[in-house]
Amino acid sequence: MGELKKKLESEMIRAVKSKDKLRLSTIRMVRSSIKNKEIDSKRELEESEIISLISTRIKQGNDSIKMFNDGGRKELALKEASEIEILREFLPPQLLPEELKALIGEAIQKIGASSMKDIGNVMKAVMPLVSGRAQGKDVNIIVRELLT
């Protein structure tokens, strides 16, 4: 069992003991998603796949917050924001903008990218390196900035 799965399990047990219902339901939801993905793929997920799954859930949560706020459902937006904070605990630390820019700069030099036509190649090279530590839209903005 991977480190992240162990951490999820121990945090779930802690949430049960502390009677933290929101934390417990959030962790159960993630563990359920992991289990479903493992059943579909007929193998145990790797750490990077679990991180990707959690990142996707955070992105969906951010979209939900926007919709709830637009619909005047502040209580649901707050609940979603709380769930996102819990999920972020299981991701690696986020890259600082300077670190991300340096990483992208290295990838651009390594690939030899010089124009906007190379955005796809740069994104393909960078995204596996920043999985769970930076959002794709942030990476894309910096790639565009550095290639212009």
Protein backbone atom coordinates (compact mmCIF):
# COMPACT_ATOMS: atom_id res chain seq x y z
CA MET A 1 0.00 0.00 0.00
CA GLY A 2 1.35 3.41 -0.99
CA GLU A 3 2.19 6.20 1.44
CA LEU A 4 -0.71 8.36 0.34
CA LYS A 5 -3.22 5.55 0.78
CA LYS A 6 -1.82 4.88 4.27
CA LYS A 7 -2.12 8.55 5.13
CA LEU A 8 -5.73 8.62 3.90
CA GLU A 9 -6.55 5.58 6.00
CA SER A 10 -4.94 6.92 9.18
CA GLU A 11 -6.60 10.34 8.71
CA MET A 12 -9.94 8.61 8.22
CA ILE A 13 -9.49 6.75 11.49
CA ARG A 14 -8.54 10.01 13.20
CA ALA A 15 -11.65 11.71 11.77
CA VAL A 16 -13.84 8.89 13.10
CA LYS A 17 -12.31 9.20 16.57
CA SER A 18 -12.62 12.99 16.62
CA LYS A 19 -16.16 12.82 15.18
CA ASP A 20 -15.26 15.25 12.39
CA LYS A 21 -18.07 14.43 9.96
CA LEU A 22 -16.98 16.69 7.10
CA ARG A 23 -13.39 15.40 7.18
CA LEU A 24 -14.61 11.82 7.40
CA SER A 25 -17.02 12.14 4.46
CA THR A 26 -14.39 13.91 2.34
CA ILE A 27 -11.76 11.25 2.97
CA ARG A 28 -14.27 8.46 2.39
CA MET A 29 -15.23 10.06 -0.92
CA VAL A 30 -11.58 10.11 -2.03
CA ARG A 31 -10.95 6.55 -0.88
CA SER A 32 -14.09 5.44 -2.72
CA SER A 33 -12.90 7.16 -5.92
CA ILE A 34 -9.53 5.45 -5.58
CA LYS A 35 -11.15 2.06 -5.03
CA ASN A 36 -13.47 2.51 -8.03
CA LYS A 37 -10.54 3.51 -10.26
CA GLU A 38 -8.57 0.46 -9.05
CA ILE A 39 -11.50 -1.82 -9.81
CA ASP A 40 -11.84 -0.31 -13.29
CA SER A 41 -8.14 -0.64 -14.05
CA LYS A 42 -7.79 -4.01 -12.26
CA ARG A 43 -4.63 -2.88 -10.48
CA GLU A 44 -3.51 -0.76 -7.56
CA LEU A 45 -3.11 2.93 -8.38
CA GLU A 46 0.29 4.59 -8.17
CA GLU A 47 0.90 7.68 -6.04
CA SER A 48 0.88 9.96 -9.09
CA GLU A 49 -2.51 8.62 -10.17
CA ILE A 50 -3.96 9.20 -6.71
CA ILE A 51 -2.55 12.74 -6.69
CA SER A 52 -4.12 13.32 -10.10
CA LEU A 53 -7.45 12.00 -8.84
CA ILE A 54 -7.37 14.34 -5.82
CA SER A 55 -6.33 17.27 -8.03
CA THR A 56 -9.25 16.59 -10.35
CA ARG A 57 -11.62 16.53 -7.39
CA ILE A 58 -10.24 19.89 -6.20
CA LYS A 59 -10.74 21.36 -9.67
CA GLN A 60 -14.34 20.09 -9.73
CA GLY A 61 -14.83 21.57 -6.27
CA ASN A 62 -13.60 24.97 -7.42
CA ASP A 63 -16.05 24.83 -10.34
CA SER A 64 -18.84 23.91 -7.92
CA ILE A 65 -17.97 26.83 -5.62
CA LYS A 66 -18.32 29.22 -8.55
CA MET A 67 -21.70 27.75 -9.50
CA PHE A 68 -22.95 27.76 -5.89
CA ASN A 69 -21.90 31.40 -5.46
CA ASP A 70 -23.57 32.35 -8.75
CA GLY A 71 -26.72 30.54 -7.59
CA GLY A 72 -26.75 32.23 -4.19
CA ARG A 73 -25.98 29.03 -2.27
CA LYS A 74 -23.25 30.35 0.03
CA GLU A 75 -23.58 27.48 2.54
CA LEU A 76 -22.84 24.90 -0.15
CA ALA A 77 -19.93 26.98 -1.44
CA LEU A 78 -18.46 27.12 2.07
CA LYS A 79 -18.85 23.35 2.49
CA GLU A 80 -17.13 22.76 -0.84
CA ALA A 81 -14.29 25.13 0.14
CA SER A 82 -13.83 23.22 3.40
CA GLU A 83 -13.64 19.94 1.52
CA ILE A 84 -11.02 21.40 -0.82
CA GLU A 85 -8.89 22.48 2.15
CA ILE A 86 -9.04 18.93 3.51
CA LEU A 87 -8.09 17.47 0.11
CA ARG A 88 -5.11 19.85 -0.27
CA GLU A 89 -3.54 18.24 2.81
CA PHE A 90 -3.00 15.09 0.76
CA LEU A 91 -1.25 16.80 -2.14
CA PRO A 92 2.43 17.66 -2.29
CA PRO A 93 3.26 21.29 -1.50
CA GLN A 94 2.35 23.70 -4.31
CA LEU A 95 5.19 25.15 -6.38
CA LEU A 96 5.94 28.82 -5.95
CA PRO A 97 5.52 30.90 -9.13
CA GLU A 98 9.31 31.38 -9.39
CA GLU A 99 9.93 27.63 -9.08
CA LEU A 100 7.29 26.90 -11.70
CA LYS A 101 8.74 29.51 -14.06
CA ALA A 102 12.24 28.03 -13.64
CA LEU A 103 10.96 24.49 -14.29
CA ILE A 104 9.11 25.61 -17.41
CA GLY A 105 12.16 27.58 -18.61
CA GLU A 106 14.30 24.46 -18.31
CA ALA A 107 11.74 22.42 -20.25
CA ILE A 108 11.60 25.04 -23.01
CA GLN A 109 15.41 24.98 -23.35
CA LYS A 110 15.53 21.19 -23.27
CA ILE A 111 12.89 20.86 -26.00
CA GLY A 112 14.24 23.78 -27.99
CA ALA A 113 10.84 25.46 -28.10
CA SER A 114 10.87 28.90 -29.66
CA SER A 115 7.36 29.82 -30.76
CA MET A 116 3.72 29.53 -29.76
CA LYS A 117 3.51 26.44 -31.99
CA ASP A 118 5.51 24.56 -29.34
CA ILE A 119 3.01 25.10 -26.48
CA GLY A 120 1.70 21.54 -26.72
CA ASN A 121 5.16 19.99 -26.55
CA VAL A 122 6.17 22.14 -23.59
CA MET A 123 2.93 21.37 -21.73
CA LYS A 124 3.44 17.65 -22.40
CA ALA A 125 6.93 17.83 -20.93
CA VAL A 126 6.05 19.97 -17.91
CA MET A 127 2.74 18.54 -16.67
CA PRO A 128 4.11 15.19 -15.44
CA LEU A 129 6.78 17.09 -13.48
CA VAL A 130 4.28 19.34 -11.69
CA SER A 131 1.44 16.87 -11.18
CA GLY A 132 -0.45 17.87 -8.06
CA ARG A 133 1.92 20.77 -7.39
CA ALA A 134 0.56 23.26 -9.94
CA GLN A 135 -2.61 23.71 -11.94
CA GLY A 136 -2.59 23.29 -15.68
CA LYS A 137 -4.00 26.76 -16.32
CA ASP A 138 -1.15 28.33 -14.31
CA VAL A 139 1.40 26.29 -16.26
CA ASN A 140 -0.23 27.31 -19.54
CA ILE A 141 -0.13 31.01 -18.64
CA ILE A 142 3.58 30.86 -17.82
CA VAL A 143 4.39 28.80 -20.94
CA ARG A 144 2.61 31.38 -23.12
CA GLU A 145 4.44 34.20 -21.31
CA LEU A 146 7.85 32.60 -21.81
CA LEU A 147 7.26 31.70 -25.46
CA THR A 148 6.18 35.19 -26.54
